[in-house]
Amino acid sequence: MTPNIDLNAEQEAYLNVLANETEEMSEEELSRSMMLLSESVFNRVWDNDEDSVYDTL
């Protein structure tokens, strides 16, 4: 089952690159792509009132 995740244009472009050209990507490009794809998910998980106390550290 694939989660329904809203991607911005930059994330979608990276996903398309990954799907079509992963064997041609450097390890650095692949790592950057994965970071960009996961950024919005992590922001949603970490952006909550319960954990906001850590924002001031």
Protein backbone atom coordinates (compact mmCIF):
# COMPACT_ATOMS: atom_id res chain seq x y z
CA MET A 1 0.00 0.00 0.00
CA THR A 2 1.42 3.39 -1.02
CA PRO A 3 0.72 6.33 1.29
CA ASN A 4 -0.98 9.35 -0.24
CA ILE A 5 1.66 12.08 -0.02
CA ASP A 6 1.34 15.52 -1.57
CA LEU A 7 4.53 16.35 -3.46
CA ASN A 8 5.62 19.75 -4.64
CA ALA A 9 6.94 20.17 -8.19
CA GLU A 10 10.59 19.80 -7.15
CA GLN A 11 9.90 16.60 -5.23
CA GLU A 12 7.88 15.17 -8.09
CA ALA A 13 10.68 15.95 -10.54
CA TYR A 14 13.18 14.14 -8.34
CA LEU A 15 10.87 11.17 -8.04
CA ASN A 16 10.58 11.00 -11.82
CA VAL A 17 14.35 11.10 -12.13
CA LEU A 18 14.68 8.32 -9.59
CA ALA A 19 12.14 6.17 -11.34
CA ASN A 20 13.79 6.53 -14.74
CA GLU A 21 17.49 7.13 -14.20
CA THR A 22 18.62 5.80 -10.83
CA GLU A 23 21.45 3.76 -12.32
CA GLU A 24 22.90 6.95 -13.84
CA MET A 25 22.75 8.98 -10.63
CA SER A 26 25.69 9.52 -8.34
CA GLU A 27 25.35 8.51 -4.71
CA GLU A 28 25.22 12.20 -3.78
CA GLU A 29 22.37 12.92 -6.23
CA LEU A 30 20.45 9.91 -4.99
CA SER A 31 20.92 10.94 -1.36
CA ARG A 32 19.80 14.51 -2.09
CA SER A 33 16.74 13.22 -3.92
CA MET A 34 15.75 11.03 -0.99
CA MET A 35 16.18 13.93 1.43
CA LEU A 36 13.96 16.20 -0.68
CA LEU A 37 11.29 13.55 -1.02
CA SER A 38 11.16 12.90 2.71
CA GLU A 39 11.33 16.54 3.83
CA SER A 40 7.60 17.28 3.73
CA VAL A 41 6.74 14.05 5.52
CA PHE A 42 9.20 14.75 8.33
CA ASN A 43 7.91 18.31 8.63
CA ARG A 44 4.38 17.04 9.14
CA VAL A 45 5.45 14.45 11.70
CA TRP A 46 7.65 16.84 13.68
CA ASP A 47 5.39 19.88 13.48
CA ASN A 48 3.13 19.27 16.44
CA ASP A 49 2.32 20.97 19.73
CA GLU A 50 3.65 18.12 21.85
CA ASP A 51 7.16 18.42 20.42
CA SER A 52 7.21 22.21 20.04
CA VAL A 53 9.14 22.55 23.31
CA TYR A 54 12.19 21.19 21.46
CA ASP A 55 12.03 24.00 18.88
CA THR A 56 13.56 26.41 21.40
CA LEU A 57 16.60 24.29 22.26
